[in-house]
Amino acid sequence: LEPLYAEPGPYASVYLDTSRDVERPE
């Protein structure tokens, strides 16, 4: 990720839960 942090912002970071243990994961 260092190249990303070397660039001036703005930028955002998120965590996307891609768990597939549900009936309709997609």
PDB file of all heavy atoms in Angstrom:
ATOM      1  N   LEU A   1       0.808  -1.218   0.000  1.00  0.00           N
ATOM      2  CA  LEU A   1       0.000   0.000   0.000  1.00  0.00           C
ATOM      3  C   LEU A   1       0.845   1.273   0.000  1.00  0.00           C
ATOM      4  O   LEU A   1       0.315   2.362  -0.168  1.00  0.00           O
ATOM      5  CB  LEU A   1      -0.927   0.022   1.214  1.00  0.00           C
ATOM      6  CG  LEU A   1      -2.043  -1.024   1.232  1.00  0.00           C
ATOM      7  CD1 LEU A   1      -2.778  -0.973   2.557  1.00  0.00           C
ATOM      8  CD2 LEU A   1      -2.993  -0.818   0.072  1.00  0.00           C
ATOM      9  N   GLU A   2       2.141   1.143   0.189  1.00  0.00           N
ATOM     10  CA  GLU A   2       3.004   2.324   0.263  1.00  0.00           C
ATOM     11  C   GLU A   2       2.856   3.268  -0.923  1.00  0.00           C
ATOM     12  O   GLU A   2       2.813   4.481  -0.734  1.00  0.00           O
ATOM     13  CB  GLU A   2       4.453   1.909   0.477  1.00  0.00           C
ATOM     14  CG  GLU A   2       4.708   1.407   1.877  1.00  0.00           C
ATOM     15  CD  GLU A   2       6.127   0.925   2.087  1.00  0.00           C
ATOM     16  OE1 GLU A   2       7.002   1.227   1.239  1.00  0.00           O
ATOM     17  OE2 GLU A   2       6.370   0.249   3.092  1.00  0.00           O
ATOM     18  N   PRO A   3       2.757   2.763  -2.165  1.00  0.00           N
ATOM     19  CA  PRO A   3       2.574   3.700  -3.287  1.00  0.00           C
ATOM     20  C   PRO A   3       1.303   4.549  -3.145  1.00  0.00           C
ATOM     21  O   PRO A   3       1.281   5.711  -3.527  1.00  0.00           O
ATOM     22  CB  PRO A   3       2.492   2.791  -4.515  1.00  0.00           C
ATOM     23  CG  PRO A   3       3.229   1.563  -4.114  1.00  0.00           C
ATOM     24  CD  PRO A   3       2.946   1.399  -2.639  1.00  0.00           C
ATOM     25  N   LEU A   4       0.281   3.987  -2.576  1.00  0.00           N
ATOM     26  CA  LEU A   4      -0.952   4.744  -2.354  1.00  0.00           C
ATOM     27  C   LEU A   4      -0.709   5.881  -1.374  1.00  0.00           C
ATOM     28  O   LEU A   4      -1.102   7.026  -1.619  1.00  0.00           O
ATOM     29  CB  LEU A   4      -2.051   3.823  -1.811  1.00  0.00           C
ATOM     30  CG  LEU A   4      -3.339   4.512  -1.358  1.00  0.00           C
ATOM     31  CD1 LEU A   4      -4.058   5.136  -2.550  1.00  0.00           C
ATOM     32  CD2 LEU A   4      -4.237   3.535  -0.638  1.00  0.00           C
ATOM     33  N   TYR A   5      -0.053   5.599  -0.284  1.00  0.00           N
ATOM     34  CA  TYR A   5       0.191   6.621   0.733  1.00  0.00           C
ATOM     35  C   TYR A   5       1.182   7.690   0.266  1.00  0.00           C
ATOM     36  O   TYR A   5       1.219   8.778   0.817  1.00  0.00           O
ATOM     37  CB  TYR A   5       0.696   5.986   2.022  1.00  0.00           C
ATOM     38  CG  TYR A   5      -0.342   5.125   2.689  1.00  0.00           C
ATOM     39  CD1 TYR A   5      -0.105   3.786   2.938  1.00  0.00           C
ATOM     40  CD2 TYR A   5      -1.563   5.657   3.066  1.00  0.00           C
ATOM     41  CE1 TYR A   5      -1.070   2.989   3.546  1.00  0.00           C
ATOM     42  CE2 TYR A   5      -2.536   4.872   3.667  1.00  0.00           C
ATOM     43  CZ  TYR A   5      -2.278   3.539   3.908  1.00  0.00           C
ATOM     44  OH  TYR A   5      -3.222   2.770   4.501  1.00  0.00           O
ATOM     45  N   ALA A   6       1.969   7.395  -0.769  1.00  0.00           N
ATOM     46  CA  ALA A   6       2.907   8.372  -1.301  1.00  0.00           C
ATOM     47  C   ALA A   6       2.194   9.444  -2.124  1.00  0.00           C
ATOM     48  O   ALA A   6       2.740  10.520  -2.344  1.00  0.00           O
ATOM     49  CB  ALA A   6       3.956   7.676  -2.149  1.00  0.00           C
ATOM     50  N   GLU A   7       0.987   9.147  -2.576  1.00  0.00           N
ATOM     51  CA  GLU A   7       0.211  10.090  -3.381  1.00  0.00           C
ATOM     52  C   GLU A   7      -0.590  11.021  -2.470  1.00  0.00           C
ATOM     53  O   GLU A   7      -1.060  10.598  -1.409  1.00  0.00           O
ATOM     54  CB  GLU A   7      -0.763   9.336  -4.287  1.00  0.00           C
ATOM     55  CG  GLU A   7      -0.097   8.459  -5.315  1.00  0.00           C
ATOM     56  CD  GLU A   7       0.683   9.266  -6.337  1.00  0.00           C
ATOM     57  OE1 GLU A   7       0.199  10.333  -6.763  1.00  0.00           O
ATOM     58  OE2 GLU A   7       1.784   8.810  -6.702  1.00  0.00           O
ATOM     59  N   PRO A   8      -0.754  12.279  -2.888  1.00  0.00           N
ATOM     60  CA  PRO A   8      -1.596  13.173  -2.102  1.00  0.00           C
ATOM     61  C   PRO A   8      -3.058  12.732  -2.211  1.00  0.00           C
ATOM     62  O   PRO A   8      -3.472  12.202  -3.238  1.00  0.00           O
ATOM     63  CB  PRO A   8      -1.376  14.539  -2.751  1.00  0.00           C
ATOM     64  CG  PRO A   8      -0.951  14.241  -4.136  1.00  0.00           C
ATOM     65  CD  PRO A   8      -0.215  12.924  -4.076  1.00  0.00           C
ATOM     66  N   GLY A   9      -3.806  12.937  -1.158  1.00  0.00           N
ATOM     67  CA  GLY A   9      -5.214  12.552  -1.151  1.00  0.00           C
ATOM     68  C   GLY A   9      -6.038  13.453  -2.028  1.00  0.00           C
ATOM     69  O   GLY A   9      -5.490  14.187  -2.837  1.00  0.00           O
ATOM     70  N   PRO A  10      -7.311  13.419  -1.910  1.00  0.00           N
ATOM     71  CA  PRO A  10      -8.010  12.624  -0.907  1.00  0.00           C
ATOM     72  C   PRO A  10      -8.241  11.185  -1.383  1.00  0.00           C
ATOM     73  O   PRO A  10      -8.319  10.913  -2.570  1.00  0.00           O
ATOM     74  CB  PRO A  10      -9.341  13.342  -0.756  1.00  0.00           C
ATOM     75  CG  PRO A  10      -9.597  13.935  -2.082  1.00  0.00           C
ATOM     76  CD  PRO A  10      -8.231  14.300  -2.640  1.00  0.00           C
ATOM     77  N   TYR A  11      -8.318  10.301  -0.442  1.00  0.00           N
ATOM     78  CA  TYR A  11      -8.670   8.930  -0.725  1.00  0.00           C
ATOM     79  C   TYR A  11      -9.370   8.360   0.497  1.00  0.00           C
ATOM     80  O   TYR A  11      -9.330   8.921   1.586  1.00  0.00           O
ATOM     81  CB  TYR A  11      -7.460   8.080  -1.120  1.00  0.00           C
ATOM     82  CG  TYR A  11      -6.281   8.174  -0.191  1.00  0.00           C
ATOM     83  CD1 TYR A  11      -6.197   7.384   0.941  1.00  0.00           C
ATOM     84  CD2 TYR A  11      -5.249   9.064  -0.460  1.00  0.00           C
ATOM     85  CE1 TYR A  11      -5.107   7.475   1.790  1.00  0.00           C
ATOM     86  CE2 TYR A  11      -4.158   9.153   0.389  1.00  0.00           C
ATOM     87  CZ  TYR A  11      -4.086   8.358   1.497  1.00  0.00           C
ATOM     88  OH  TYR A  11      -3.015   8.449   2.331  1.00  0.00           O
ATOM     89  N   ALA A  12     -10.063   7.271   0.283  1.00  0.00           N
ATOM     90  CA  ALA A  12     -10.800   6.619   1.361  1.00  0.00           C
ATOM     91  C   ALA A  12     -10.455   5.141   1.370  1.00  0.00           C
ATOM     92  O   ALA A  12     -10.090   4.570   0.348  1.00  0.00           O
ATOM     93  CB  ALA A  12     -12.299   6.800   1.165  1.00  0.00           C
ATOM     94  N   SER A  13     -10.577   4.553   2.510  1.00  0.00           N
ATOM     95  CA  SER A  13     -10.350   3.131   2.660  1.00  0.00           C
ATOM     96  C   SER A  13     -11.536   2.546   3.413  1.00  0.00           C
ATOM     97  O   SER A  13     -12.024   3.138   4.374  1.00  0.00           O
ATOM     98  CB  SER A  13      -9.054   2.900   3.440  1.00  0.00           C
ATOM     99  OG  SER A  13      -8.861   1.527   3.667  1.00  0.00           O
ATOM    100  N   VAL A  14     -12.010   1.408   2.952  1.00  0.00           N
ATOM    101  CA  VAL A  14     -13.125   0.746   3.614  1.00  0.00           C
ATOM    102  C   VAL A  14     -12.821  -0.742   3.741  1.00  0.00           C
ATOM    103  O   VAL A  14     -11.960  -1.272   3.046  1.00  0.00           O
ATOM    104  CB  VAL A  14     -14.460   0.938   2.858  1.00  0.00           C
ATOM    105  CG1 VAL A  14     -14.852   2.389   2.784  1.00  0.00           C
ATOM    106  CG2 VAL A  14     -14.395   0.331   1.475  1.00  0.00           C
ATOM    107  N   TYR A  15     -13.551  -1.385   4.600  1.00  0.00           N
ATOM    108  CA  TYR A  15     -13.480  -2.830   4.752  1.00  0.00           C
ATOM    109  C   TYR A  15     -14.793  -3.403   4.254  1.00  0.00           C
ATOM    110  O   TYR A  15     -15.861  -3.042   4.755  1.00  0.00           O
ATOM    111  CB  TYR A  15     -13.249  -3.209   6.219  1.00  0.00           C
ATOM    112  CG  TYR A  15     -13.334  -4.690   6.459  1.00  0.00           C
ATOM    113  CD1 TYR A  15     -12.255  -5.510   6.188  1.00  0.00           C
ATOM    114  CD2 TYR A  15     -14.502  -5.265   6.917  1.00  0.00           C
ATOM    115  CE1 TYR A  15     -12.334  -6.881   6.378  1.00  0.00           C
ATOM    116  CE2 TYR A  15     -14.599  -6.638   7.114  1.00  0.00           C
ATOM    117  CZ  TYR A  15     -13.506  -7.432   6.846  1.00  0.00           C
ATOM    118  OH  TYR A  15     -13.593  -8.782   7.020  1.00  0.00           O
ATOM    119  N   LEU A  16     -14.733  -4.246   3.246  1.00  0.00           N
ATOM    120  CA  LEU A  16     -15.926  -4.885   2.704  1.00  0.00           C
ATOM    121  C   LEU A  16     -15.924  -6.355   3.106  1.00  0.00           C
ATOM    122  O   LEU A  16     -15.019  -7.108   2.745  1.00  0.00           O
ATOM    123  CB  LEU A  16     -15.945  -4.758   1.174  1.00  0.00           C
ATOM    124  CG  LEU A  16     -17.079  -5.491   0.463  1.00  0.00           C
ATOM    125  CD1 LEU A  16     -18.440  -4.936   0.888  1.00  0.00           C
ATOM    126  CD2 LEU A  16     -16.905  -5.392  -1.044  1.00  0.00           C
ATOM    127  N   ASP A  17     -16.926  -6.732   3.871  1.00  0.00           N
ATOM    128  CA  ASP A  17     -17.083  -8.122   4.291  1.00  0.00           C
ATOM    129  C   ASP A  17     -17.585  -8.929   3.100  1.00  0.00           C
ATOM    130  O   ASP A  17     -18.687  -8.708   2.615  1.00  0.00           O
ATOM    131  CB  ASP A  17     -18.080  -8.195   5.452  1.00  0.00           C
ATOM    132  CG  ASP A  17     -18.356  -9.609   5.917  1.00  0.00           C
ATOM    133  OD1 ASP A  17     -17.734 -10.560   5.400  1.00  0.00           O
ATOM    134  OD2 ASP A  17     -19.208  -9.762   6.816  1.00  0.00           O
ATOM    135  N   THR A  18     -16.768  -9.839   2.604  1.00  0.00           N
ATOM    136  CA  THR A  18     -17.160 -10.666   1.471  1.00  0.00           C
ATOM    137  C   THR A  18     -17.467 -12.104   1.887  1.00  0.00           C
ATOM    138  O   THR A  18     -17.352 -13.037   1.084  1.00  0.00           O
ATOM    139  CB  THR A  18     -16.072 -10.662   0.374  1.00  0.00           C
ATOM    140  OG1 THR A  18     -14.852 -11.143   0.930  1.00  0.00           O
ATOM    141  CG2 THR A  18     -15.885  -9.269  -0.205  1.00  0.00           C
ATOM    142  N   SER A  19     -17.916 -12.248   3.118  1.00  0.00           N
ATOM    143  CA  SER A  19     -18.299 -13.578   3.597  1.00  0.00           C
ATOM    144  C   SER A  19     -19.368 -14.156   2.681  1.00  0.00           C
ATOM    145  O   SER A  19     -20.277 -13.461   2.241  1.00  0.00           O
ATOM    146  CB  SER A  19     -18.869 -13.496   5.020  1.00  0.00           C
ATOM    147  OG  SER A  19     -17.921 -12.975   5.898  1.00  0.00           O
ATOM    148  N   ARG A  20     -19.255 -15.431   2.421  1.00  0.00           N
ATOM    149  CA  ARG A  20     -20.194 -16.083   1.510  1.00  0.00           C
ATOM    150  C   ARG A  20     -21.022 -17.150   2.230  1.00  0.00           C
ATOM    151  O   ARG A  20     -21.591 -18.036   1.599  1.00  0.00           O
ATOM    152  CB  ARG A  20     -19.420 -16.690   0.351  1.00  0.00           C
ATOM    153  CG  ARG A  20     -18.568 -15.659  -0.392  1.00  0.00           C
ATOM    154  CD  ARG A  20     -17.863 -16.218  -1.579  1.00  0.00           C
ATOM    155  NE  ARG A  20     -18.735 -16.487  -2.696  1.00  0.00           N
ATOM    156  CZ  ARG A  20     -19.262 -15.575  -3.517  1.00  0.00           C
ATOM    157  NH1 ARG A  20     -18.997 -14.305  -3.314  1.00  0.00           N
ATOM    158  NH2 ARG A  20     -20.027 -15.922  -4.517  1.00  0.00           N
ATOM    159  N   ASP A  21     -21.102 -17.028   3.541  1.00  0.00           N
ATOM    160  CA  ASP A  21     -21.810 -18.027   4.331  1.00  0.00           C
ATOM    161  C   ASP A  21     -23.277 -17.654   4.552  1.00  0.00           C
ATOM    162  O   ASP A  21     -23.838 -17.900   5.623  1.00  0.00           O
ATOM    163  CB  ASP A  21     -21.098 -18.245   5.663  1.00  0.00           C
ATOM    164  CG  ASP A  21     -20.987 -16.973   6.484  1.00  0.00           C
ATOM    165  OD1 ASP A  21     -21.215 -15.875   5.937  1.00  0.00           O
ATOM    166  OD2 ASP A  21     -20.677 -17.083   7.679  1.00  0.00           O
ATOM    167  N   VAL A  22     -23.893 -17.081   3.548  1.00  0.00           N
ATOM    168  CA  VAL A  22     -25.309 -16.701   3.599  1.00  0.00           C
ATOM    169  C   VAL A  22     -26.009 -17.323   2.396  1.00  0.00           C
ATOM    170  O   VAL A  22     -25.373 -17.830   1.468  1.00  0.00           O
ATOM    171  CB  VAL A  22     -25.473 -15.158   3.588  1.00  0.00           C
ATOM    172  CG1 VAL A  22     -24.944 -14.550   4.872  1.00  0.00           C
ATOM    173  CG2 VAL A  22     -24.804 -14.547   2.380  1.00  0.00           C
ATOM    174  N   GLU A  23     -27.326 -17.250   2.389  1.00  0.00           N
ATOM    175  CA  GLU A  23     -28.098 -17.914   1.346  1.00  0.00           C
ATOM    176  C   GLU A  23     -27.802 -17.390  -0.060  1.00  0.00           C
ATOM    177  O   GLU A  23     -27.652 -18.151  -0.995  1.00  0.00           O
ATOM    178  CB  GLU A  23     -29.591 -17.768   1.641  1.00  0.00           C
ATOM    179  CG  GLU A  23     -30.462 -18.578   0.722  1.00  0.00           C
ATOM    180  CD  GLU A  23     -31.916 -18.561   1.146  1.00  0.00           C
ATOM    181  OE1 GLU A  23     -32.179 -18.529   2.364  1.00  0.00           O
ATOM    182  OE2 GLU A  23     -32.771 -18.579   0.249  1.00  0.00           O
ATOM    183  N   ARG A  24     -27.735 -16.076  -0.209  1.00  0.00           N
ATOM    184  CA  ARG A  24     -27.477 -15.462  -1.528  1.00  0.00           C
ATOM    185  C   ARG A  24     -26.263 -14.549  -1.414  1.00  0.00           C
ATOM    186  O   ARG A  24     -26.395 -13.342  -1.333  1.00  0.00           O
ATOM    187  CB  ARG A  24     -28.704 -14.687  -1.973  1.00  0.00           C
ATOM    188  CG  ARG A  24     -29.917 -15.594  -2.197  1.00  0.00           C
ATOM    189  CD  ARG A  24     -31.177 -14.848  -2.520  1.00  0.00           C
ATOM    190  NE  ARG A  24     -30.999 -13.992  -3.680  1.00  0.00           N
ATOM    191  CZ  ARG A  24     -31.779 -12.958  -3.959  1.00  0.00           C
ATOM    192  NH1 ARG A  24     -32.778 -12.650  -3.181  1.00  0.00           N
ATOM    193  NH2 ARG A  24     -31.568 -12.227  -5.023  1.00  0.00           N
ATOM    194  N   PRO A  25     -25.064 -15.127  -1.410  1.00  0.00           N
ATOM    195  CA  PRO A  25     -23.866 -14.332  -1.132  1.00  0.00           C
ATOM    196  C   PRO A  25     -23.621 -13.183  -2.115  1.00  0.00           C
ATOM    197  O   PRO A  25     -23.227 -12.094  -1.689  1.00  0.00           O
ATOM    198  CB  PRO A  25     -22.724 -15.345  -1.183  1.00  0.00           C
ATOM    199  CG  PRO A  25     -23.264 -16.524  -1.898  1.00  0.00           C
ATOM    200  CD  PRO A  25     -24.738 -16.528  -1.671  1.00  0.00           C
ATOM    201  N   GLU A  26     -23.855 -13.384  -3.401  1.00  0.00           N
ATOM    202  CA  GLU A  26     -23.606 -12.316  -4.368  1.00  0.00           C
ATOM    203  C   GLU A  26     -24.476 -11.101  -4.066  1.00  0.00           C
ATOM    204  O   GLU A  26     -24.019  -9.956  -4.108  1.00  0.00           O
ATOM    205  CB  GLU A  26     -23.842 -12.792  -5.804  1.00  0.00           C
ATOM    206  CG  GLU A  26     -22.846 -13.828  -6.279  1.00  0.00           C
ATOM    207  CD  GLU A  26     -23.179 -15.245  -5.822  1.00  0.00           C
ATOM    208  OE1 GLU A  26     -24.301 -15.469  -5.309  1.00  0.00           O
ATOM    209  OE2 GLU A  26     -22.310 -16.122  -5.968  1.00  0.00           O
TER     210      GLU A  26
END
